[in-house]
Amino acid sequence: MAGQGKTALARKIYNDHHIMFYFGARAWYLVSQTYNVRHLLLEILKQIRGDKSDNLDNPGSVLRRHLMGRRYLVVLDDIWEPEAFDDLGRVFPSGETSRNNGNN
């Protein structure tokens, strides 16, 4: 289904000022056919937190804690394998809130 404009449409929505205002955290990552989960999580963290931390022991845990209780939009473009989504899906909070975060 290449060439149908899916990425262009998603990028237009992602960059819309209403979307930017609504979501407190946003990241866009192009997933290659051969991907590294750790590298992918670090890249998403860099976009969301704005830092360059490469030496985190558990980037998935850091990302999960950072997103907990926040509205977030993470676009994973060009995923080829369902396993890639499964690997990453466990990291992202789903309707969970943190007691210490007053942004519910």
N, C-alpha and C. Protein backbone atom coordinates (compact mmCIF):
# COMPACT_ATOMS: atom_id res chain seq x y z
N MET A 1 0.82 -1.19 0.00
CA MET A 1 0.00 0.00 0.00
C MET A 1 0.86 1.26 0.00
N ALA A 2 2.05 1.16 -0.53
CA ALA A 2 2.94 2.32 -0.59
C ALA A 2 2.41 3.36 -1.56
N GLY A 3 2.74 4.62 -1.28
CA GLY A 3 2.41 5.69 -2.20
C GLY A 3 0.99 6.21 -2.14
N GLN A 4 0.26 5.88 -1.10
CA GLN A 4 -1.12 6.33 -1.00
C GLN A 4 -1.28 7.58 -0.14
N GLY A 5 -0.19 8.10 0.39
CA GLY A 5 -0.24 9.35 1.15
C GLY A 5 -0.54 9.20 2.62
N LYS A 6 -0.40 8.00 3.16
CA LYS A 6 -0.70 7.78 4.59
C LYS A 6 0.23 8.61 5.48
N THR A 7 1.52 8.57 5.20
CA THR A 7 2.48 9.31 6.01
C THR A 7 2.27 10.80 5.87
N ALA A 8 2.00 11.27 4.66
CA ALA A 8 1.77 12.70 4.45
C ALA A 8 0.56 13.19 5.24
N LEU A 9 -0.50 12.40 5.23
CA LEU A 9 -1.70 12.76 5.99
C LEU A 9 -1.42 12.74 7.48
N ALA A 10 -0.74 11.70 7.95
CA ALA A 10 -0.42 11.60 9.37
C ALA A 10 0.48 12.76 9.80
N ARG A 11 1.44 13.13 8.97
CA ARG A 11 2.35 14.24 9.29
C ARG A 11 1.58 15.57 9.38
N LYS A 12 0.62 15.75 8.49
CA LYS A 12 -0.19 16.98 8.51
C LYS A 12 -0.99 17.07 9.82
N ILE A 13 -1.56 15.96 10.23
CA ILE A 13 -2.31 15.93 11.50
C ILE A 13 -1.36 16.14 12.67
N TYR A 14 -0.24 15.46 12.66
CA TYR A 14 0.76 15.55 13.74
C TYR A 14 1.22 17.00 13.93
N ASN A 15 1.38 17.74 12.85
CA ASN A 15 1.89 19.11 12.92
C ASN A 15 0.79 20.17 13.08
N ASP A 16 -0.46 19.76 13.13
CA ASP A 16 -1.56 20.70 13.31
C ASP A 16 -1.44 21.37 14.68
N HIS A 17 -1.67 22.68 14.74
CA HIS A 17 -1.48 23.40 16.00
C HIS A 17 -2.46 22.95 17.09
N HIS A 18 -3.65 22.49 16.73
CA HIS A 18 -4.59 21.97 17.74
C HIS A 18 -4.06 20.68 18.35
N ILE A 19 -3.48 19.83 17.53
CA ILE A 19 -2.90 18.58 18.01
C ILE A 19 -1.70 18.89 18.90
N MET A 20 -0.88 19.83 18.48
CA MET A 20 0.29 20.21 19.27
C MET A 20 -0.12 20.73 20.64
N PHE A 21 -1.21 21.48 20.69
CA PHE A 21 -1.70 22.03 21.95
C PHE A 21 -2.33 20.94 22.83
N TYR A 22 -3.07 20.02 22.22
CA TYR A 22 -3.82 19.01 22.96
C TYR A 22 -2.90 17.98 23.63
N PHE A 23 -1.87 17.56 22.92
CA PHE A 23 -0.98 16.53 23.44
C PHE A 23 0.23 17.17 24.11
N GLY A 24 0.45 16.84 25.37
CA GLY A 24 1.57 17.39 26.12
C GLY A 24 2.91 16.82 25.67
N ALA A 25 2.87 15.66 25.05
CA ALA A 25 4.10 15.02 24.58
C ALA A 25 3.83 14.42 23.21
N ARG A 26 4.75 14.67 22.28
CA ARG A 26 4.60 14.12 20.93
C ARG A 26 5.95 13.63 20.44
N ALA A 27 5.90 12.56 19.66
CA ALA A 27 7.13 12.05 19.04
C ALA A 27 6.76 11.35 17.74
N TRP A 28 7.68 11.41 16.80
CA TRP A 28 7.50 10.75 15.50
C TRP A 28 8.76 9.94 15.24
N TYR A 29 8.59 8.67 14.95
CA TYR A 29 9.76 7.83 14.69
C TYR A 29 9.50 6.94 13.49
N LEU A 30 10.45 6.92 12.58
CA LEU A 30 10.38 6.06 11.41
C LEU A 30 11.04 4.73 11.78
N VAL A 31 10.25 3.67 11.86
CA VAL A 31 10.73 2.35 12.25
C VAL A 31 11.21 1.63 10.99
N SER A 32 12.45 1.20 11.01
CA SER A 32 12.97 0.48 9.85
C SER A 32 12.64 -1.00 9.97
N GLN A 33 12.88 -1.74 8.90
CA GLN A 33 12.61 -3.18 8.93
C GLN A 33 13.46 -3.87 9.98
N THR A 34 14.67 -3.43 10.16
CA THR A 34 15.51 -3.95 11.23
C THR A 34 15.64 -2.84 12.26
N TYR A 35 14.99 -3.00 13.37
CA TYR A 35 14.97 -1.95 14.38
C TYR A 35 15.57 -2.49 15.68
N ASN A 36 15.97 -1.57 16.52
CA ASN A 36 16.51 -1.88 17.82
C ASN A 36 15.59 -1.20 18.84
N VAL A 37 14.95 -1.97 19.68
CA VAL A 37 13.97 -1.42 20.62
C VAL A 37 14.60 -0.36 21.51
N ARG A 38 15.76 -0.63 22.04
CA ARG A 38 16.43 0.33 22.93
C ARG A 38 16.68 1.65 22.21
N HIS A 39 17.23 1.57 21.01
CA HIS A 39 17.50 2.79 20.23
C HIS A 39 16.20 3.55 19.95
N LEU A 40 15.17 2.83 19.58
CA LEU A 40 13.88 3.45 19.28
C LEU A 40 13.34 4.18 20.51
N LEU A 41 13.38 3.52 21.68
CA LEU A 41 12.88 4.14 22.91
C LEU A 41 13.71 5.37 23.28
N LEU A 42 15.01 5.29 23.10
CA LEU A 42 15.87 6.45 23.38
C LEU A 42 15.54 7.62 22.46
N GLU A 43 15.28 7.34 21.20
CA GLU A 43 14.94 8.40 20.25
C GLU A 43 13.60 9.05 20.60
N ILE A 44 12.63 8.24 21.01
CA ILE A 44 11.34 8.79 21.42
C ILE A 44 11.52 9.65 22.67
N LEU A 45 12.30 9.16 23.63
CA LEU A 45 12.58 9.94 24.84
C LEU A 45 13.24 11.27 24.50
N LYS A 46 14.18 11.27 23.57
CA LYS A 46 14.85 12.51 23.17
C LYS A 46 13.85 13.52 22.65
N GLN A 47 12.89 13.07 21.85
CA GLN A 47 11.90 13.98 21.30
C GLN A 47 10.95 14.49 22.38
N ILE A 48 10.56 13.63 23.28
CA ILE A 48 9.58 14.01 24.29
C ILE A 48 10.21 14.84 25.40
N ARG A 49 11.39 14.44 25.87
CA ARG A 49 12.02 15.15 26.98
C ARG A 49 12.97 16.24 26.51
N GLY A 50 13.43 16.15 25.27
CA GLY A 50 14.33 17.17 24.76
C GLY A 50 15.77 17.00 25.22
N ASP A 51 16.10 15.86 25.83
CA ASP A 51 17.47 15.66 26.25
C ASP A 51 18.16 14.63 25.36
N LYS A 52 19.41 14.40 25.62
CA LYS A 52 20.20 13.50 24.78
C LYS A 52 20.72 12.31 25.58
N SER A 53 19.98 11.84 26.56
CA SER A 53 20.42 10.74 27.41
C SER A 53 20.51 9.44 26.62
N ASP A 54 21.74 8.93 26.48
CA ASP A 54 21.94 7.65 25.81
C ASP A 54 22.35 6.56 26.79
N ASN A 55 22.61 6.92 28.03
CA ASN A 55 23.15 5.96 28.97
C ASN A 55 22.13 5.51 30.02
N LEU A 56 20.87 5.49 29.66
CA LEU A 56 19.84 5.04 30.59
C LEU A 56 19.84 3.52 30.67
N ASP A 57 19.68 3.00 31.88
CA ASP A 57 19.64 1.55 32.05
C ASP A 57 18.36 0.95 31.47
N ASN A 58 17.24 1.62 31.67
CA ASN A 58 15.96 1.09 31.21
C ASN A 58 15.14 2.21 30.58
N PRO A 59 15.39 2.53 29.30
CA PRO A 59 14.67 3.65 28.68
C PRO A 59 13.17 3.43 28.62
N GLY A 60 12.71 2.19 28.52
CA GLY A 60 11.27 1.92 28.49
C GLY A 60 10.60 2.35 29.78
N SER A 61 11.24 2.06 30.90
CA SER A 61 10.69 2.43 32.20
C SER A 61 10.68 3.95 32.37
N VAL A 62 11.75 4.61 31.95
CA VAL A 62 11.83 6.07 32.03
C VAL A 62 10.75 6.70 31.17
N LEU A 63 10.57 6.19 29.95
CA LEU A 63 9.55 6.71 29.06
C LEU A 63 8.16 6.52 29.65
N ARG A 64 7.89 5.35 30.17
CA ARG A 64 6.58 5.06 30.77
C ARG A 64 6.28 6.02 31.92
N ARG A 65 7.26 6.22 32.80
CA ARG A 65 7.06 7.14 33.93
C ARG A 65 6.84 8.57 33.44
N HIS A 66 7.56 8.95 32.40
CA HIS A 66 7.44 10.32 31.88
C HIS A 66 6.06 10.57 31.24
N LEU A 67 5.49 9.54 30.63
CA LEU A 67 4.21 9.70 29.95
C LEU A 67 3.01 9.47 30.86
N MET A 68 3.22 8.83 31.99
CA MET A 68 2.14 8.49 32.90
C MET A 68 1.32 9.73 33.26
N GLY A 69 0.03 9.65 33.06
CA GLY A 69 -0.87 10.74 33.42
C GLY A 69 -0.90 11.89 32.43
N ARG A 70 -0.20 11.77 31.33
CA ARG A 70 -0.16 12.84 30.33
C ARG A 70 -0.85 12.37 29.05
N ARG A 71 -1.32 13.34 28.28
CA ARG A 71 -1.80 13.04 26.94
C ARG A 71 -0.58 13.01 26.02
N TYR A 72 -0.44 11.96 25.26
CA TYR A 72 0.71 11.85 24.38
C TYR A 72 0.31 11.27 23.04
N LEU A 73 1.10 11.63 22.04
CA LEU A 73 0.92 11.11 20.68
C LEU A 73 2.28 10.66 20.19
N VAL A 74 2.40 9.37 19.94
CA VAL A 74 3.64 8.82 19.39
C VAL A 74 3.28 8.14 18.08
N VAL A 75 3.86 8.62 17.01
CA VAL A 75 3.63 8.05 15.69
C VAL A 75 4.82 7.15 15.36
N LEU A 76 4.52 5.89 15.09
CA LEU A 76 5.53 4.93 14.68
C LEU A 76 5.28 4.64 13.21
N ASP A 77 6.02 5.31 12.37
CA ASP A 77 5.80 5.26 10.93
C ASP A 77 6.53 4.07 10.31
N ASP A 78 5.88 3.42 9.39
CA ASP A 78 6.48 2.38 8.56
C ASP A 78 6.87 1.12 9.32
N ILE A 79 6.00 0.67 10.22
CA ILE A 79 6.25 -0.59 10.93
C ILE A 79 5.97 -1.74 9.98
N TRP A 80 6.92 -2.65 9.88
CA TRP A 80 6.78 -3.80 8.99
C TRP A 80 6.32 -5.05 9.73
N GLU A 81 6.75 -5.22 10.95
CA GLU A 81 6.46 -6.44 11.68
C GLU A 81 5.55 -6.15 12.86
N PRO A 82 4.51 -6.98 13.08
CA PRO A 82 3.64 -6.78 14.25
C PRO A 82 4.41 -6.88 15.56
N GLU A 83 5.50 -7.63 15.57
CA GLU A 83 6.29 -7.78 16.78
C GLU A 83 6.86 -6.44 17.24
N ALA A 84 7.17 -5.57 16.29
CA ALA A 84 7.70 -4.25 16.63
C ALA A 84 6.67 -3.48 17.45
N PHE A 85 5.43 -3.52 17.03
CA PHE A 85 4.38 -2.82 17.77
C PHE A 85 4.18 -3.48 19.13
N ASP A 86 4.21 -4.80 19.18
CA ASP A 86 4.06 -5.51 20.45
C ASP A 86 5.18 -5.16 21.42
N ASP A 87 6.41 -5.10 20.92
CA ASP A 87 7.56 -4.76 21.76
C ASP A 87 7.39 -3.38 22.38
N LEU A 88 6.86 -2.46 21.62
CA LEU A 88 6.74 -1.08 22.08
C LEU A 88 5.45 -0.83 22.85
N GLY A 89 4.40 -1.54 22.51
CA GLY A 89 3.10 -1.32 23.13
C GLY A 89 3.11 -1.49 24.63
N ARG A 90 3.96 -2.35 25.13
CA ARG A 90 4.04 -2.59 26.58
C ARG A 90 4.59 -1.39 27.34
N VAL A 91 5.31 -0.54 26.67
CA VAL A 91 5.96 0.61 27.32
C VAL A 91 4.98 1.74 27.55
N PHE A 92 4.03 1.92 26.65
CA PHE A 92 3.17 3.10 26.70
C PHE A 92 2.00 2.90 27.65
N PRO A 93 1.81 3.86 28.59
CA PRO A 93 0.68 3.77 29.52
C PRO A 93 -0.64 3.88 28.77
N SER A 94 -1.62 3.18 29.24
CA SER A 94 -2.94 3.19 28.61
C SER A 94 -3.98 3.56 29.64
N GLY A 95 -4.26 4.85 29.75
CA GLY A 95 -5.29 5.30 30.68
C GLY A 95 -4.86 5.22 32.13
N GLU A 96 -3.57 5.00 32.38
CA GLU A 96 -3.08 4.92 33.73
C GLU A 96 -2.65 6.31 34.17
N THR A 97 -2.80 6.58 35.45
CA THR A 97 -2.37 7.87 35.97
C THR A 97 -1.44 7.64 37.14
N SER A 98 -0.59 8.59 37.34
CA SER A 98 0.33 8.56 38.47
C SER A 98 -0.27 9.36 39.61
N ARG A 99 -0.15 8.88 40.81
CA ARG A 99 -0.67 9.61 41.97
C ARG A 99 0.06 10.92 42.19
N ASN A 100 1.33 10.94 41.85
CA ASN A 100 2.14 12.14 42.09
C ASN A 100 1.97 13.20 41.00
N ASN A 101 1.31 12.86 39.91
CA ASN A 101 1.17 13.78 38.81
C ASN A 101 -0.26 14.33 38.81
N GLY A 102 -0.42 15.60 39.02
CA GLY A 102 -1.74 16.19 39.12
C GLY A 102 -2.38 16.50 37.78
N ASN A 103 -1.86 15.99 36.66
CA ASN A 103 -2.37 16.30 35.33
C ASN A 103 -3.33 15.25 34.82
N ASN A 104 -4.32 14.87 35.57
CA ASN A 104 -5.27 13.82 35.14
C ASN A 104 -6.34 14.35 34.25
